[in-house]
C-alpha cells in the first residue's frame, strides 16, 4: 500500500515538473488590436488622422519565423512557423513560441507575412490552408495582411475599402521583418508572456481613402503599404 502511494506521488511530481518545464520553455504571445491606442473592434467607427471615418469588417494577417532575442544578443529561433491572426477568432490572438527561459528576454524578431518558399510550395495545411481565405488561387502566393471595411470617404460600391497585401516575387516582395524591443516592459517575473500590439491607426494616418481604397494584387502600391506594416507593432 505504501509502495503504491509512493509511486503515485512520484508520477504526480513528474507530471507537475514536466508541465512547469513546458511552461518555462515557452513564451506566450498575446496579440492586441488597437486604433490610435484605443481598443479596435469590428463594426465600430474610428477616425483616422486623414479625417476618414472607418468601420472594419475583416482584419487577418500572418506572423512567422519568430526569434526571441536575449540579453547576450543570442536568439532562439522558431523557423518555418506561421501564425494566422484573425480578429474574429479569439483563439488565434495568442500562441506560444519556444524560449530558453534562463536568459533575460529583451525583444522579439518576426516576419509579417509568408516567405517565398512556402508561397511556391502551394497551399498547405494548418494556418496555411487555402480555406483560411489568405491564399491567392489565381497566382501562387499568400496574402500577408488583409484589411476590409467601409468608409464614407470611399467612392467604391457600398463605400468599401480592401487592402490585400502580398506578393513574393521581386521587385514586389511584400514580406517584412519586425524587431520589437521590450525596453523593460518584459520583467521576467515568471509569467513568460508578452502583449504584442498591432495599431492600425498608424497605417491609416498615411492613407487617404478617397484616393487609395483598393489594393488586391501585388505591385508598387502593395509594396508601399507593406513598408508601413512593421511600424504597426509594439509592446504594451
Protein backbone atom coordinates (compact mmCIF):
# COMPACT_ATOMS: atom_id res chain seq x y z
CA UNK A 1 0.00 0.00 0.00
CA UNK A 2 2.79 2.40 0.96
CA UNK A 3 4.72 1.47 -2.19
CA UNK A 4 1.67 2.16 -4.36
CA UNK A 5 1.13 5.53 -2.68
CA UNK A 6 4.80 6.39 -3.14
CA UNK A 7 4.74 5.53 -6.85
CA UNK A 8 1.59 7.60 -7.32
CA UNK A 9 3.25 10.62 -5.70
CA UNK A 10 6.35 10.18 -7.85
CA UNK A 11 4.27 10.09 -11.04
CA UNK A 12 2.30 13.15 -9.93
CA UNK A 13 5.52 15.03 -9.17
CA UNK A 14 6.98 14.14 -12.57
CA UNK A 15 3.84 15.32 -14.34
CA UNK A 16 3.86 18.63 -12.47
CA UNK A 17 7.56 19.10 -13.15
CA UNK A 18 7.09 18.36 -16.87
CA UNK A 19 4.18 20.80 -17.01
CA UNK A 20 6.18 23.53 -15.29
CA UNK A 21 9.12 22.89 -17.58
CA UNK A 22 6.88 23.11 -20.66
CA UNK A 23 5.60 26.49 -19.49
CA UNK A 24 9.07 27.83 -18.67
CA UNK A 25 10.40 26.70 -22.03
CA UNK A 26 7.85 28.72 -23.99
CA UNK A 27 6.85 32.34 -24.33
CA UNK A 28 3.17 33.19 -24.67
CA UNK A 29 2.47 35.97 -27.17
CA UNK A 30 -0.85 37.80 -26.88
CA UNK A 31 -1.88 39.99 -29.83
CA UNK A 32 -3.99 43.08 -29.13
CA UNK A 33 -5.76 45.14 -31.80
CA UNK A 34 -5.85 48.91 -31.47
CA UNK A 35 -6.57 52.07 -33.45
CA UNK A 36 -4.64 55.09 -32.23
CA UNK A 37 -4.15 53.35 -28.87
CA UNK A 38 -7.90 52.65 -28.43
CA UNK A 39 -9.16 49.06 -28.46
CA UNK A 40 -10.15 48.11 -32.00
CA UNK A 41 -13.36 46.16 -32.57
CA UNK A 42 -15.18 45.15 -35.72
CA UNK A 43 -18.23 47.22 -36.74
CA UNK A 44 -17.14 50.18 -34.59
CA UNK A 45 -16.28 53.60 -36.04
CA UNK A 46 -12.82 55.14 -35.95
CA UNK A 47 -11.48 58.40 -37.35
CA UNK A 48 -8.02 58.47 -38.91
CA UNK A 49 -5.50 61.32 -38.95
CA UNK A 50 -6.72 61.88 -42.53
CA UNK A 51 -10.23 62.57 -41.11
CA UNK A 52 -11.58 59.42 -42.72
CA UNK A 53 -14.24 57.52 -40.77
CA UNK A 54 -13.56 53.77 -40.85
CA UNK A 55 -15.56 50.70 -39.90
CA UNK A 56 -13.57 47.46 -40.10
CA UNK A 57 -15.17 44.22 -41.31
CA UNK A 58 -12.10 41.98 -41.53
CA UNK A 59 -8.52 42.01 -40.25
CA UNK A 60 -6.27 38.99 -40.82
CA UNK A 61 -2.51 38.66 -41.13
CA UNK A 62 0.37 36.22 -40.85
CA UNK A 63 3.18 36.40 -38.30
CA UNK A 64 6.02 33.97 -38.96
CA UNK A 65 9.57 32.83 -38.12
CA UNK A 66 9.71 34.24 -34.58
CA UNK A 67 13.09 34.78 -32.94
CA UNK A 68 13.40 35.58 -29.25
CA UNK A 69 16.28 37.97 -28.51
CA UNK A 70 18.21 37.58 -25.23
CA UNK A 71 20.41 39.98 -23.31
CA UNK A 72 23.56 38.29 -24.62
CA UNK A 73 22.36 39.02 -28.20
CA UNK A 74 21.71 35.34 -28.86
CA UNK A 75 18.43 34.30 -30.45
CA UNK A 76 16.04 31.38 -30.04
CA UNK A 77 14.64 30.65 -33.49
CA UNK A 78 11.22 29.27 -34.38
CA UNK A 79 11.69 28.92 -38.15
CA UNK A 80 9.07 27.65 -40.57
CA UNK A 81 6.27 28.57 -38.16
CA UNK A 82 3.25 30.51 -39.35
CA UNK A 83 0.55 32.05 -37.18
CA UNK A 84 -2.61 33.39 -38.81
CA UNK A 85 -4.04 36.16 -36.64
CA UNK A 86 -7.75 36.77 -37.24
CA UNK A 87 -9.57 39.45 -35.27
CA UNK A 88 -12.74 37.31 -35.48
CA UNK A 89 -11.00 34.27 -33.97
CA UNK A 90 -10.10 34.96 -30.33
CA UNK A 91 -8.09 31.73 -30.10
CA UNK A 92 -5.72 33.00 -32.79
CA UNK A 93 -4.84 36.05 -30.68
CA UNK A 94 -2.40 34.06 -28.57
CA UNK A 95 0.21 31.41 -29.25
CA UNK A 96 3.39 30.03 -27.72
CA UNK A 97 6.90 30.09 -29.12
CA UNK A 98 10.00 28.25 -27.89
CA UNK A 99 12.14 30.03 -25.33
CA UNK A 100 15.36 29.48 -23.38
CA UNK A 101 13.84 30.86 -20.21
CA UNK A 102 17.02 31.01 -18.10
CA UNK A 103 18.15 34.02 -20.16
CA UNK A 104 16.75 37.53 -19.94
CA UNK A 105 14.46 38.29 -22.87
CA UNK A 106 14.90 41.77 -24.35
CA UNK A 107 12.98 41.59 -27.64
CA UNK A 108 11.28 39.76 -30.47
CA UNK A 109 12.01 39.46 -34.17
CA UNK A 110 9.49 38.11 -36.64
CA UNK A 111 8.12 38.47 -40.15
CA UNK A 112 4.80 39.88 -41.25
CA UNK A 113 3.68 37.53 -43.98
CA UNK A 114 4.64 34.24 -45.59
CA UNK A 115 8.04 33.64 -47.16
CA UNK A 116 8.64 32.78 -50.80
CA UNK A 117 9.47 29.12 -50.10
CA UNK A 118 6.06 28.48 -48.54
CA UNK A 119 4.39 30.51 -51.29
CA UNK A 120 5.84 28.44 -54.14
CA UNK A 121 5.00 25.22 -52.29
CA UNK A 122 1.30 25.80 -52.88
CA UNK A 123 -1.49 25.96 -50.31
CA UNK A 124 -0.67 23.81 -47.30
CA UNK A 125 -2.32 22.67 -44.08
CA UNK A 126 -2.97 24.35 -40.73
CA UNK A 127 -2.90 28.14 -40.75
CA UNK A 128 -1.65 27.99 -44.35
CA UNK A 129 -4.72 26.09 -45.54
CA UNK A 130 -6.35 27.76 -48.55
CA UNK A 131 -9.73 27.60 -46.78
CA UNK A 132 -8.47 30.33 -44.42
CA UNK A 133 -9.08 32.83 -47.22
CA UNK A 134 -5.48 34.04 -47.37
CA UNK A 135 -4.24 32.21 -50.47
CA UNK A 136 -4.49 33.62 -53.98
CA UNK A 137 -5.85 30.79 -56.13
CA UNK A 138 -5.21 32.75 -59.32
CA UNK A 139 -1.49 33.00 -58.62
CA UNK A 140 0.86 31.12 -56.34
CA UNK A 141 1.24 33.01 -53.11
CA UNK A 142 -0.31 34.13 -49.85
CA UNK A 143 -1.92 37.34 -48.73
CA UNK A 144 0.28 38.61 -45.91
CA UNK A 145 -2.11 41.20 -44.49
CA UNK A 146 -5.81 41.60 -45.25
CA UNK A 147 -7.95 44.56 -44.16
CA UNK A 148 -11.51 45.19 -45.30
CA UNK A 149 -14.16 47.65 -44.22
CA UNK A 150 -16.27 50.67 -45.11
CA UNK A 151 -15.73 54.41 -45.14
CA UNK A 152 -17.88 57.28 -46.33
CA UNK A 153 -14.70 58.66 -47.93
CA UNK A 154 -14.63 55.78 -50.42
CA UNK A 155 -16.35 56.25 -53.78
CA UNK A 156 -16.45 52.49 -54.29
CA UNK A 157 -19.57 50.29 -54.28
CA UNK A 158 -21.11 50.34 -50.80
CA UNK A 159 -18.19 52.58 -49.74
CA UNK A 160 -15.93 49.56 -49.27
CA UNK A 161 -12.16 49.55 -48.91
CA UNK A 162 -9.96 46.49 -49.42
CA UNK A 163 -6.26 46.04 -48.78
CA UNK A 164 -4.92 42.57 -49.63
CA UNK A 165 -1.17 42.98 -49.25
CA UNK A 166 1.05 40.20 -50.56
CA UNK A 167 3.47 39.13 -53.25
CA UNK A 168 6.79 37.29 -53.07
CA UNK A 169 8.41 37.98 -56.45
CA UNK A 170 10.90 40.85 -56.72
CA UNK A 171 10.54 43.77 -57.07
CA UNK A 172 7.13 43.40 -55.40
CA UNK A 173 8.12 41.21 -52.43
CA UNK A 174 5.75 42.19 -49.58
CA UNK A 175 7.29 40.15 -46.72
CA UNK A 176 8.55 42.47 -43.98
CA UNK A 177 10.69 41.94 -40.88
CA UNK A 178 9.92 43.41 -37.47
CA UNK A 179 12.20 43.89 -34.46
CA UNK A 180 10.40 44.88 -31.27
CA UNK A 181 12.46 45.84 -28.22
CA UNK A 182 10.84 45.24 -24.86
CA UNK A 183 12.50 48.29 -23.28
CA UNK A 184 11.99 46.88 -19.80
CA UNK A 185 8.32 46.03 -20.42
CA UNK A 186 9.09 42.33 -20.03
CA UNK A 187 10.19 41.98 -16.42
CA UNK A 188 10.92 38.24 -16.37
CA UNK A 189 8.57 37.70 -13.44
CA UNK A 190 7.89 34.10 -14.38
CA UNK A 191 4.67 34.78 -16.29
CA UNK A 192 6.55 34.24 -19.56
CA UNK A 193 4.08 36.22 -21.64
CA UNK A 194 4.15 39.41 -23.67
CA UNK A 195 1.49 41.64 -25.18
CA UNK A 196 2.13 42.44 -28.84
CA UNK A 197 0.08 45.42 -30.01
CA UNK A 198 -0.91 46.00 -33.65
CA UNK A 199 -2.19 49.56 -34.07
CA UNK A 200 -3.89 50.23 -37.43
CA UNK A 201 -4.15 53.94 -36.68
CA UNK A 202 -0.50 54.24 -37.69
CA UNK A 203 -1.23 52.73 -41.12
CA UNK A 204 -4.27 54.85 -41.95
CA UNK A 205 -2.61 58.06 -40.82
CA UNK A 206 -0.79 57.92 -44.15
CA UNK A 207 -3.67 56.72 -46.35
CA UNK A 208 -6.35 58.96 -47.82
CA UNK A 209 -9.23 56.56 -48.50
CA UNK A 210 -10.72 58.93 -51.05
CA UNK A 211 -7.61 58.42 -53.20
CA UNK A 212 -6.44 54.93 -52.17
CA UNK A 213 -9.02 52.36 -51.13
CA UNK A 214 -8.48 49.17 -53.16
CA UNK A 215 -5.24 47.19 -53.39
CA UNK A 216 -5.82 43.49 -54.07
CA UNK A 217 -2.82 42.45 -56.20
CA UNK A 218 0.98 42.57 -55.80
CA UNK A 219 2.57 45.71 -57.15
CA UNK A 220 4.05 49.10 -56.30
CA UNK A 221 1.05 50.17 -54.19
CA UNK A 222 1.13 46.94 -52.19
CA UNK A 223 4.86 47.40 -51.54
CA UNK A 224 4.25 50.90 -50.15
CA UNK A 225 1.69 49.51 -47.71
CA UNK A 226 3.98 46.60 -46.80
CA UNK A 227 6.75 49.07 -45.95
CA UNK A 228 4.49 50.57 -43.27
CA UNK A 229 3.46 47.29 -41.63
CA UNK A 230 6.47 46.98 -39.26
CA UNK A 231 5.50 50.33 -37.75
CA UNK A 232 2.18 48.91 -36.55
CA UNK A 233 3.77 46.61 -33.96
CA UNK A 234 4.88 47.49 -30.44
CA UNK A 235 4.95 46.10 -26.90
CA UNK A 236 2.50 47.14 -24.23
